[in-house]
PDB file of N, CA and C in Angstrom:
ATOM      1  N   MET A   1     -21.357 -32.459 -15.446  1.00  0.00           N
ATOM      2  CA  MET A   1     -21.885 -31.282 -15.873  1.00  0.00           C
ATOM      3  C   MET A   1     -23.123 -31.721 -16.843  1.00  0.00           C
ATOM      4  N   VAL A   2     -23.222 -32.856 -17.366  1.00  0.00           N
ATOM      5  CA  VAL A   2     -24.180 -33.178 -17.935  1.00  0.00           C
ATOM      6  C   VAL A   2     -25.518 -33.303 -17.254  1.00  0.00           C
ATOM      7  N   LEU A   3     -25.578 -33.668 -16.054  1.00  0.00           N
ATOM      8  CA  LEU A   3     -26.785 -33.890 -15.274  1.00  0.00           C
ATOM      9  C   LEU A   3     -27.175 -32.551 -14.972  1.00  0.00           C
ATOM     10  N   ILE A   4     -26.370 -31.427 -14.627  1.00  0.00           N
ATOM     11  CA  ILE A   4     -26.775 -30.356 -14.187  1.00  0.00           C
ATOM     12  C   ILE A   4     -27.461 -29.525 -15.466  1.00  0.00           C
ATOM     13  N   ASP A   5     -26.907 -29.651 -16.535  1.00  0.00           N
ATOM     14  CA  ASP A   5     -27.548 -29.008 -17.922  1.00  0.00           C
ATOM     15  C   ASP A   5     -29.009 -29.653 -18.001  1.00  0.00           C
ATOM     16  N   ARG A   6     -28.946 -30.992 -17.861  1.00  0.00           N
ATOM     17  CA  ARG A   6     -30.172 -31.784 -18.015  1.00  0.00           C
ATOM     18  C   ARG A   6     -31.361 -31.118 -17.054  1.00  0.00           C
ATOM     19  N   LEU A   7     -30.890 -31.041 -15.835  1.00  0.00           N
ATOM     20  CA  LEU A   7     -31.703 -30.436 -14.809  1.00  0.00           C
ATOM     21  C   LEU A   7     -32.267 -29.227 -14.972  1.00  0.00           C
ATOM     22  N   ARG A   8     -31.155 -28.279 -15.423  1.00  0.00           N
ATOM     23  CA  ARG A   8     -31.769 -26.866 -15.965  1.00  0.00           C
ATOM     24  C   ARG A   8     -32.686 -27.193 -17.162  1.00  0.00           C
ATOM     25  N   LYS A   9     -32.552 -27.807 -17.895  1.00  0.00           N
ATOM     26  CA  LYS A   9     -33.420 -28.028 -19.366  1.00  0.00           C
ATOM     27  C   LYS A   9     -34.783 -28.575 -18.744  1.00  0.00           C
ATOM     28  N   THR A  10     -34.827 -29.129 -17.712  1.00  0.00           N
ATOM     29  CA  THR A  10     -36.416 -29.687 -17.264  1.00  0.00           C
ATOM     30  C   THR A  10     -36.932 -28.408 -16.679  1.00  0.00           C
ATOM     31  N   HIS A  11     -36.495 -27.279 -16.420  1.00  0.00           N
ATOM     32  CA  HIS A  11     -37.305 -26.061 -16.296  1.00  0.00           C
ATOM     33  C   HIS A  11     -37.830 -25.464 -17.302  1.00  0.00           C
ATOM     34  N   GLU A  12     -37.344 -25.757 -18.307  1.00  0.00           N
ATOM     35  CA  GLU A  12     -37.493 -24.926 -19.766  1.00  0.00           C
ATOM     36  C   GLU A  12     -38.721 -25.933 -20.301  1.00  0.00           C
ATOM     37  N   LEU A  13     -38.907 -27.072 -20.033  1.00  0.00           N
ATOM     38  CA  LEU A  13     -40.099 -27.905 -20.512  1.00  0.00           C
ATOM     39  C   LEU A  13     -41.538 -27.689 -19.872  1.00  0.00           C
ATOM     40  N   PRO A  14     -42.223 -26.811 -20.171  1.00  0.00           N
ATOM     41  CA  PRO A  14     -43.565 -26.570 -19.802  1.00  0.00           C
ATOM     42  C   PRO A  14     -44.539 -27.770 -19.537  1.00  0.00           C
ATOM     43  N   LEU A  15     -44.934 -28.070 -18.366  1.00  0.00           N
ATOM     44  CA  LEU A  15     -46.068 -29.273 -18.363  1.00  0.00           C
ATOM     45  C   LEU A  15     -47.223 -28.716 -17.567  1.00  0.00           C
ATOM     46  N   PRO A  16     -48.210 -28.133 -18.317  1.00  0.00           N
ATOM     47  CA  PRO A  16     -49.429 -27.697 -17.523  1.00  0.00           C
ATOM     48  C   PRO A  16     -50.217 -28.818 -17.403  1.00  0.00           C
ATOM     49  N   ASN A  17     -50.215 -30.016 -17.581  1.00  0.00           N
ATOM     50  CA  ASN A  17     -51.183 -30.969 -17.306  1.00  0.00           C
ATOM     51  C   ASN A  17     -50.589 -32.243 -17.701  1.00  0.00           C
ATOM     52  N   LEU A  18     -51.193 -33.398 -17.397  1.00  0.00           N
ATOM     53  CA  LEU A  18     -50.487 -34.563 -17.420  1.00  0.00           C
ATOM     54  C   LEU A  18     -51.353 -35.525 -18.533  1.00  0.00           C
ATOM     55  N   ASP A  19     -52.486 -34.697 -19.184  1.00  0.00           N
ATOM     56  CA  ASP A  19     -53.088 -35.384 -20.270  1.00  0.00           C
ATOM     57  C   ASP A  19     -52.333 -35.783 -21.336  1.00  0.00           C
ATOM     58  N   PRO A  20     -52.287 -37.261 -21.395  1.00  0.00           N
ATOM     59  CA  PRO A  20     -51.581 -37.754 -22.482  1.00  0.00           C
ATOM     60  C   PRO A  20     -51.926 -37.509 -23.875  1.00  0.00           C
ATOM     61  N   ASP A  21     -53.326 -37.010 -24.074  1.00  0.00           N
ATOM     62  CA  ASP A  21     -53.676 -36.676 -25.346  1.00  0.00           C
ATOM     63  C   ASP A  21     -53.472 -35.223 -25.669  1.00  0.00           C
ATOM     64  N   ALA A  22     -52.652 -34.480 -24.864  1.00  0.00           N
ATOM     65  CA  ALA A  22     -52.584 -32.985 -24.894  1.00  0.00           C
ATOM     66  C   ALA A  22     -51.236 -32.829 -25.554  1.00  0.00           C
ATOM     67  N   GLY A  23     -50.257 -33.681 -25.829  1.00  0.00           N
ATOM     68  CA  GLY A  23     -49.157 -33.439 -26.497  1.00  0.00           C
ATOM     69  C   GLY A  23     -48.193 -34.450 -26.466  1.00  0.00           C
ATOM     70  N   ARG A  24     -47.055 -34.502 -26.963  1.00  0.00           N
ATOM     71  CA  ARG A  24     -45.826 -35.570 -27.100  1.00  0.00           C
ATOM     72  C   ARG A  24     -45.381 -35.720 -25.577  1.00  0.00           C
ATOM     73  N   LEU A  25     -45.018 -34.434 -24.954  1.00  0.00           N
ATOM     74  CA  LEU A  25     -44.446 -34.501 -23.986  1.00  0.00           C
ATOM     75  C   LEU A  25     -45.175 -35.301 -22.905  1.00  0.00           C
ATOM     76  N   GLN A  26     -46.558 -34.882 -22.775  1.00  0.00           N
ATOM     77  CA  GLN A  26     -47.602 -35.437 -21.754  1.00  0.00           C
ATOM     78  C   GLN A  26     -47.530 -36.928 -21.855  1.00  0.00           C
ATOM     79  N   ALA A  27     -47.578 -37.248 -23.563  1.00  0.00           N
ATOM     80  CA  ALA A  27     -47.751 -38.774 -23.757  1.00  0.00           C
ATOM     81  C   ALA A  27     -46.491 -39.648 -23.248  1.00  0.00           C
ATOM     82  N   GLU A  28     -45.286 -38.970 -23.266  1.00  0.00           N
ATOM     83  CA  GLU A  28     -43.980 -39.601 -22.829  1.00  0.00           C
ATOM     84  C   GLU A  28     -44.173 -39.728 -21.511  1.00  0.00           C
ATOM     85  N   VAL A  29     -44.300 -38.633 -20.792  1.00  0.00           N
ATOM     86  CA  VAL A  29     -44.452 -38.646 -19.345  1.00  0.00           C
ATOM     87  C   VAL A  29     -45.330 -39.848 -18.811  1.00  0.00           C
ATOM     88  N   ALA A  30     -46.699 -39.775 -19.275  1.00  0.00           N
ATOM     89  CA  ALA A  30     -47.537 -40.720 -19.033  1.00  0.00           C
ATOM     90  C   ALA A  30     -47.086 -42.409 -19.140  1.00  0.00           C
ATOM     91  N   ARG A  31     -46.346 -42.525 -20.491  1.00  0.00           N
ATOM     92  CA  ARG A  31     -45.788 -43.740 -20.593  1.00  0.00           C
ATOM     93  C   ARG A  31     -44.777 -44.325 -19.519  1.00  0.00           C
ATOM     94  N   ILE A  32     -43.984 -43.245 -19.328  1.00  0.00           N
ATOM     95  CA  ILE A  32     -42.920 -43.883 -18.221  1.00  0.00           C
ATOM     96  C   ILE A  32     -43.492 -44.124 -16.934  1.00  0.00           C
ATOM     97  N   LEU A  33     -44.631 -43.119 -16.442  1.00  0.00           N
ATOM     98  CA  LEU A  33     -45.291 -43.391 -15.181  1.00  0.00           C
ATOM     99  C   LEU A  33     -46.053 -44.621 -15.474  1.00  0.00           C
ATOM    100  N   ARG A  34     -46.546 -45.045 -16.425  1.00  0.00           N
ATOM    101  CA  ARG A  34     -47.329 -46.401 -16.507  1.00  0.00           C
ATOM    102  C   ARG A  34     -46.397 -47.433 -16.448  1.00  0.00           C
ATOM    103  N   ARG A  35     -44.981 -47.471 -16.984  1.00  0.00           N
ATOM    104  CA  ARG A  35     -44.095 -48.625 -16.962  1.00  0.00           C
ATOM    105  C   ARG A  35     -43.610 -48.737 -15.369  1.00  0.00           C
ATOM    106  N   GLU A  36     -43.556 -47.624 -14.619  1.00  0.00           N
ATOM    107  CA  GLU A  36     -43.136 -47.728 -13.276  1.00  0.00           C
ATOM    108  C   GLU A  36     -44.253 -48.097 -12.268  1.00  0.00           C
ATOM    109  N   GLY A  37     -45.584 -48.321 -12.816  1.00  0.00           N
ATOM    110  CA  GLY A  37     -46.626 -48.551 -11.981  1.00  0.00           C
ATOM    111  C   GLY A  37     -47.149 -47.411 -10.907  1.00  0.00           C
ATOM    112  N   ILE A  38     -46.802 -46.142 -11.572  1.00  0.00           N
ATOM    113  CA  ILE A  38     -47.192 -44.974 -10.733  1.00  0.00           C
ATOM    114  C   ILE A  38     -48.534 -44.399 -11.264  1.00  0.00           C
ATOM    115  N   TRP A  39     -48.779 -44.504 -12.761  1.00  0.00           N
ATOM    116  CA  TRP A  39     -49.856 -43.646 -13.218  1.00  0.00           C
ATOM    117  C   TRP A  39     -51.137 -44.268 -12.916  1.00  0.00           C
ATOM    118  N   SER A  40     -51.862 -43.296 -12.577  1.00  0.00           N
ATOM    119  CA  SER A  40     -53.413 -43.684 -11.963  1.00  0.00           C
ATOM    120  C   SER A  40     -53.989 -42.252 -12.132  1.00  0.00           C
ATOM    121  N   GLN A  41     -55.363 -42.527 -12.234  1.00  0.00           N
ATOM    122  CA  GLN A  41     -56.358 -40.881 -12.266  1.00  0.00           C
ATOM    123  C   GLN A  41     -56.018 -40.317 -10.850  1.00  0.00           C
ATOM    124  N   THR A  42     -55.885 -41.086  -9.844  1.00  0.00           N
ATOM    125  CA  THR A  42     -55.361 -40.184  -8.607  1.00  0.00           C
ATOM    126  C   THR A  42     -54.064 -39.512  -8.652  1.00  0.00           C
ATOM    127  N   PHE A  43     -53.138 -40.483  -8.937  1.00  0.00           N
ATOM    128  CA  PHE A  43     -51.891 -39.587  -9.169  1.00  0.00           C
ATOM    129  C   PHE A  43     -51.951 -38.371 -10.109  1.00  0.00           C
ATOM    130  N   ARG A  44     -52.451 -38.556 -11.342  1.00  0.00           N
ATOM    131  CA  ARG A  44     -52.761 -37.559 -12.001  1.00  0.00           C
ATOM    132  C   ARG A  44     -53.376 -36.343 -11.825  1.00  0.00           C
ATOM    133  N   THR A  45     -54.747 -36.530 -10.892  1.00  0.00           N
ATOM    134  CA  THR A  45     -55.177 -35.358 -10.401  1.00  0.00           C
ATOM    135  C   THR A  45     -54.318 -34.890  -9.407  1.00  0.00           C
ATOM    136  N   GLU A  46     -53.841 -35.427  -8.349  1.00  0.00           N
ATOM    137  CA  GLU A  46     -52.793 -34.837  -7.545  1.00  0.00           C
ATOM    138  C   GLU A  46     -51.571 -34.107  -8.113  1.00  0.00           C
ATOM    139  N   ALA A  47     -51.100 -34.679  -9.059  1.00  0.00           N
ATOM    140  CA  ALA A  47     -49.900 -34.007  -9.677  1.00  0.00           C
ATOM    141  C   ALA A  47     -50.472 -32.704 -10.244  1.00  0.00           C
ATOM    142  N   GLU A  48     -51.421 -32.676 -11.162  1.00  0.00           N
ATOM    143  CA  GLU A  48     -51.926 -31.547 -11.733  1.00  0.00           C
ATOM    144  C   GLU A  48     -52.146 -30.544 -10.892  1.00  0.00           C
ATOM    145  N   GLN A  49     -52.785 -30.841  -9.673  1.00  0.00           N
ATOM    146  CA  GLN A  49     -53.122 -29.887  -8.449  1.00  0.00           C
ATOM    147  C   GLN A  49     -51.609 -29.311  -8.260  1.00  0.00           C
ATOM    148  N   VAL A  50     -50.669 -29.974  -8.093  1.00  0.00           N
ATOM    149  CA  VAL A  50     -49.527 -29.519  -7.486  1.00  0.00           C
ATOM    150  C   VAL A  50     -48.731 -28.705  -8.580  1.00  0.00           C
ATOM    151  N   LEU A  51     -48.826 -29.011  -9.845  1.00  0.00           N
ATOM    152  CA  LEU A  51     -48.254 -28.262 -10.904  1.00  0.00           C
ATOM    153  C   LEU A  51     -48.757 -26.854 -10.909  1.00  0.00           C
ATOM    154  N   GLY A  52     -47.891 -26.042 -10.788  1.00  0.00           N
ATOM    155  CA  GLY A  52     -48.429 -24.557 -10.739  1.00  0.00           C
ATOM    156  C   GLY A  52     -48.820 -24.009  -9.517  1.00  0.00           C
ATOM    157  N   SER A  53     -48.963 -24.839  -8.673  1.00  0.00           N
ATOM    158  CA  SER A  53     -49.174 -24.288  -7.423  1.00  0.00           C
ATOM    159  C   SER A  53     -48.022 -24.363  -6.455  1.00  0.00           C
ATOM    160  N   THR A  54     -47.649 -25.649  -5.735  1.00  0.00           N
ATOM    161  CA  THR A  54     -46.634 -25.808  -4.969  1.00  0.00           C
ATOM    162  C   THR A  54     -45.338 -25.984  -5.738  1.00  0.00           C
ATOM    163  N   GLU A  55     -45.449 -26.470  -6.978  1.00  0.00           N
ATOM    164  CA  GLU A  55     -44.357 -26.951  -7.713  1.00  0.00           C
ATOM    165  C   GLU A  55     -44.659 -26.201  -9.290  1.00  0.00           C
ATOM    166  N   GLU A  56     -43.602 -25.611  -9.691  1.00  0.00           N
ATOM    167  CA  GLU A  56     -43.580 -25.127 -10.930  1.00  0.00           C
ATOM    168  C   GLU A  56     -44.353 -26.053 -12.207  1.00  0.00           C
ATOM    169  N   ALA A  57     -44.962 -25.233 -13.004  1.00  0.00           N
ATOM    170  CA  ALA A  57     -45.649 -26.195 -13.989  1.00  0.00           C
ATOM    171  C   ALA A  57     -44.736 -26.598 -15.247  1.00  0.00           C
ATOM    172  N   SER A  58     -43.847 -27.514 -14.889  1.00  0.00           N
ATOM    173  CA  SER A  58     -42.623 -28.066 -15.680  1.00  0.00           C
ATOM    174  C   SER A  58     -42.270 -29.376 -15.441  1.00  0.00           C
ATOM    175  N   VAL A  59     -41.543 -29.975 -16.288  1.00  0.00           N
ATOM    176  CA  VAL A  59     -40.956 -31.154 -16.060  1.00  0.00           C
ATOM    177  C   VAL A  59     -40.173 -31.047 -14.716  1.00  0.00           C
ATOM    178  N   PHE A  60     -39.630 -30.063 -14.422  1.00  0.00           N
ATOM    179  CA  PHE A  60     -38.674 -30.141 -13.113  1.00  0.00           C
ATOM    180  C   PHE A  60     -39.722 -30.095 -12.077  1.00  0.00           C
ATOM    181  N   GLY A  61     -41.021 -29.418 -12.149  1.00  0.00           N
ATOM    182  CA  GLY A  61     -42.059 -29.521 -10.846  1.00  0.00           C
ATOM    183  C   GLY A  61     -42.576 -30.715 -10.783  1.00  0.00           C
ATOM    184  N   LEU A  62     -42.823 -31.840 -12.073  1.00  0.00           N
ATOM    185  CA  LEU A  62     -43.234 -33.006 -12.007  1.00  0.00           C
ATOM    186  C   LEU A  62     -42.036 -33.918 -11.047  1.00  0.00           C
ATOM    187  N   ILE A  63     -40.731 -33.607 -11.553  1.00  0.00           N
ATOM    188  CA  ILE A  63     -39.588 -34.412 -10.830  1.00  0.00           C
ATOM    189  C   ILE A  63     -39.766 -34.186  -9.349  1.00  0.00           C
ATOM    190  N   GLN A  64     -39.806 -33.037  -8.959  1.00  0.00           N
ATOM    191  CA  GLN A  64     -39.831 -32.558  -7.452  1.00  0.00           C
ATOM    192  C   GLN A  64     -41.088 -33.263  -6.885  1.00  0.00           C
ATOM    193  N   HIS A  65     -42.198 -33.389  -7.653  1.00  0.00           N
ATOM    194  CA  HIS A  65     -43.368 -34.053  -6.958  1.00  0.00           C
ATOM    195  C   HIS A  65     -43.140 -35.647  -6.937  1.00  0.00           C
ATOM    196  N   LEU A  66     -42.494 -36.222  -7.890  1.00  0.00           N
ATOM    197  CA  LEU A  66     -42.263 -37.549  -7.849  1.00  0.00           C
ATOM    198  C   LEU A  66     -41.316 -37.979  -6.555  1.00  0.00           C
ATOM    199  N   THR A  67     -40.390 -37.091  -6.327  1.00  0.00           N
ATOM    200  CA  THR A  67     -39.315 -37.294  -5.498  1.00  0.00           C
ATOM    201  C   THR A  67     -39.448 -36.740  -4.051  1.00  0.00           C
ATOM    202  N   GLY A  68     -40.699 -36.106  -3.928  1.00  0.00           N
ATOM    203  CA  GLY A  68     -40.836 -35.511  -2.536  1.00  0.00           C
ATOM    204  C   GLY A  68     -41.151 -36.093  -1.586  1.00  0.00           C
ATOM    205  N   ALA A  69     -41.518 -35.555  -0.336  1.00  0.00           N
ATOM    206  CA  ALA A  69     -41.776 -36.143   0.770  1.00  0.00           C
ATOM    207  C   ALA A  69     -43.045 -37.107   0.938  1.00  0.00           C
ATOM    208  N   TRP A  70     -43.981 -36.890   0.185  1.00  0.00           N
ATOM    209  CA  TRP A  70     -44.971 -37.902  -0.087  1.00  0.00           C
ATOM    210  C   TRP A  70     -44.352 -39.305  -0.416  1.00  0.00           C
ATOM    211  N   ALA A  71     -43.754 -39.332  -1.526  1.00  0.00           N
ATOM    212  CA  ALA A  71     -42.977 -40.372  -2.167  1.00  0.00           C
ATOM    213  C   ALA A  71     -42.322 -41.127  -1.102  1.00  0.00           C
ATOM    214  N   LYS A  72     -41.499 -40.360  -0.178  1.00  0.00           N
ATOM    215  CA  LYS A  72     -40.597 -40.997   0.859  1.00  0.00           C
ATOM    216  C   LYS A  72     -41.397 -41.750   1.753  1.00  0.00           C
ATOM    217  N   SER A  73     -42.568 -41.193   2.149  1.00  0.00           N
ATOM    218  CA  SER A  73     -43.584 -41.940   3.307  1.00  0.00           C
ATOM    219  C   SER A  73     -44.143 -43.091   2.618  1.00  0.00           C
ATOM    220  N   GLN A  74     -44.114 -43.613   1.293  1.00  0.00           N
ATOM    221  CA  GLN A  74     -44.749 -44.529   0.944  1.00  0.00           C
ATOM    222  C   GLN A  74     -44.368 -45.894   0.811  1.00  0.00           C
ATOM    223  N   GLY A  75     -42.993 -46.128   1.476  1.00  0.00           N
ATOM    224  CA  GLY A  75     -42.262 -47.234   1.708  1.00  0.00           C
ATOM    225  C   GLY A  75     -41.212 -47.191   0.519  1.00  0.00           C
ATOM    226  N   GLU A  76     -40.441 -48.163   0.734  1.00  0.00           N
ATOM    227  CA  GLU A  76     -39.211 -48.387  -0.063  1.00  0.00           C
ATOM    228  C   GLU A  76     -39.607 -48.642  -1.539  1.00  0.00           C
ATOM    229  N   GLU A  77     -40.314 -49.601  -1.662  1.00  0.00           N
ATOM    230  CA  GLU A  77     -40.534 -50.008  -3.215  1.00  0.00           C
ATOM    231  C   GLU A  77     -41.157 -48.876  -3.831  1.00  0.00           C
ATOM    232  N   MET A  78     -42.269 -48.247  -3.580  1.00  0.00           N
ATOM    233  CA  MET A  78     -42.892 -46.957  -4.097  1.00  0.00           C
ATOM    234  C   MET A  78     -41.867 -45.848  -4.389  1.00  0.00           C
ATOM    235  N   ARG A  79     -40.995 -45.501  -3.139  1.00  0.00           N
ATOM    236  CA  ARG A  79     -40.055 -44.503  -3.420  1.00  0.00           C
ATOM    237  C   ARG A  79     -39.035 -44.957  -4.418  1.00  0.00           C
ATOM    238  N   LEU A  80     -38.525 -46.109  -4.557  1.00  0.00           N
ATOM    239  CA  LEU A  80     -37.789 -46.483  -5.860  1.00  0.00           C
ATOM    240  C   LEU A  80     -38.242 -46.324  -6.873  1.00  0.00           C
ATOM    241  N   ALA A  81     -39.421 -46.786  -7.098  1.00  0.00           N
ATOM    242  CA  ALA A  81     -40.246 -46.643  -8.523  1.00  0.00           C
ATOM    243  C   ALA A  81     -40.209 -45.003  -8.620  1.00  0.00           C
ATOM    244  N   ARG A  82     -40.643 -44.400  -7.630  1.00  0.00           N
ATOM    245  CA  ARG A  82     -40.532 -43.039  -8.128  1.00  0.00           C
ATOM    246  C   ARG A  82     -39.347 -42.099  -8.279  1.00  0.00           C
ATOM    247  N   GLU A  83     -38.494 -42.646  -7.861  1.00  0.00           N
ATOM    248  CA  GLU A  83     -37.036 -42.276  -8.040  1.00  0.00           C
ATOM    249  C   GLU A  83     -36.541 -42.683  -9.560  1.00  0.00           C
ATOM    250  N   ARG A  84     -37.002 -43.966  -9.993  1.00  0.00           N
ATOM    251  CA  ARG A  84     -36.447 -44.302 -11.318  1.00  0.00           C
ATOM    252  C   ARG A  84     -37.355 -43.680 -12.266  1.00  0.00           C
ATOM    253  N   ALA A  85     -38.769 -43.490 -12.009  1.00  0.00           N
ATOM    254  CA  ALA A  85     -39.512 -42.772 -12.924  1.00  0.00           C
ATOM    255  C   ALA A  85     -38.941 -40.952 -13.173  1.00  0.00           C
ATOM    256  N   ALA A  86     -38.662 -40.340 -12.061  1.00  0.00           N
ATOM    257  CA  ALA A  86     -38.213 -39.030 -12.103  1.00  0.00           C
ATOM    258  C   ALA A  86     -36.880 -39.161 -12.897  1.00  0.00           C
ATOM    259  N   GLY A  87     -36.026 -40.097 -12.939  1.00  0.00           N
ATOM    260  CA  GLY A  87     -34.857 -40.181 -13.538  1.00  0.00           C
ATOM    261  C   GLY A  87     -35.140 -40.424 -15.227  1.00  0.00           C
ATOM    262  N   ARG A  88     -36.013 -41.163 -15.345  1.00  0.00           N
ATOM    263  CA  ARG A  88     -36.569 -41.160 -16.860  1.00  0.00           C
ATOM    264  C   ARG A  88     -37.360 -40.271 -17.520  1.00  0.00           C
ATOM    265  N   VAL A  89     -37.892 -39.560 -16.492  1.00  0.00           N
ATOM    266  CA  VAL A  89     -38.481 -38.005 -16.930  1.00  0.00           C
ATOM    267  C   VAL A  89     -37.561 -37.274 -17.081  1.00  0.00           C
ATOM    268  N   MET A  90     -36.513 -37.137 -16.328  1.00  0.00           N
ATOM    269  CA  MET A  90     -35.224 -36.155 -16.648  1.00  0.00           C
ATOM    270  C   MET A  90     -34.714 -36.364 -18.025  1.00  0.00           C
ATOM    271  N   GLU A  91     -34.487 -37.582 -18.292  1.00  0.00           N
ATOM    272  CA  GLU A  91     -34.030 -38.097 -19.605  1.00  0.00           C
ATOM    273  C   GLU A  91     -34.691 -37.370 -20.881  1.00  0.00           C
ATOM    274  N   ILE A  92     -35.747 -37.194 -20.728  1.00  0.00           N
ATOM    275  CA  ILE A  92     -36.708 -36.555 -21.481  1.00  0.00           C
ATOM    276  C   ILE A  92     -36.172 -35.116 -22.025  1.00  0.00           C
ATOM    277  N   ALA A  93     -35.270 -34.444 -21.163  1.00  0.00           N
ATOM    278  CA  ALA A  93     -34.822 -33.055 -21.160  1.00  0.00           C
ATOM    279  C   ALA A  93     -33.403 -33.003 -22.136  1.00  0.00           C
ATOM    280  N   ALA A  94     -33.152 -34.278 -22.279  1.00  0.00           N
ATOM    281  CA  ALA A  94     -31.588 -34.737 -22.809  1.00  0.00           C
ATOM    282  C   ALA A  94     -31.639 -34.159 -24.336  1.00  0.00           C
TER     283      ALA A  94
END
């Protein structure tokens, strides 16, 4: 039940952008993505385009983007890094 509650809470955390200077949430997300080797200007631009368009502009939307079809097509190492990052981002909602 804890996982389901945490997942629900990710919908309640708006994430309009990934600018680490825009707020505590964005800074924490950027820190997690840097630690996993995912953060780059290209990733940020791509994710910001997705948030609010094909995915909701929330922590849940970012998790969906991290674990979506693109991640799966990038090879096992990148898929695992993105899955780890998604789990850590989900922990923010705890």
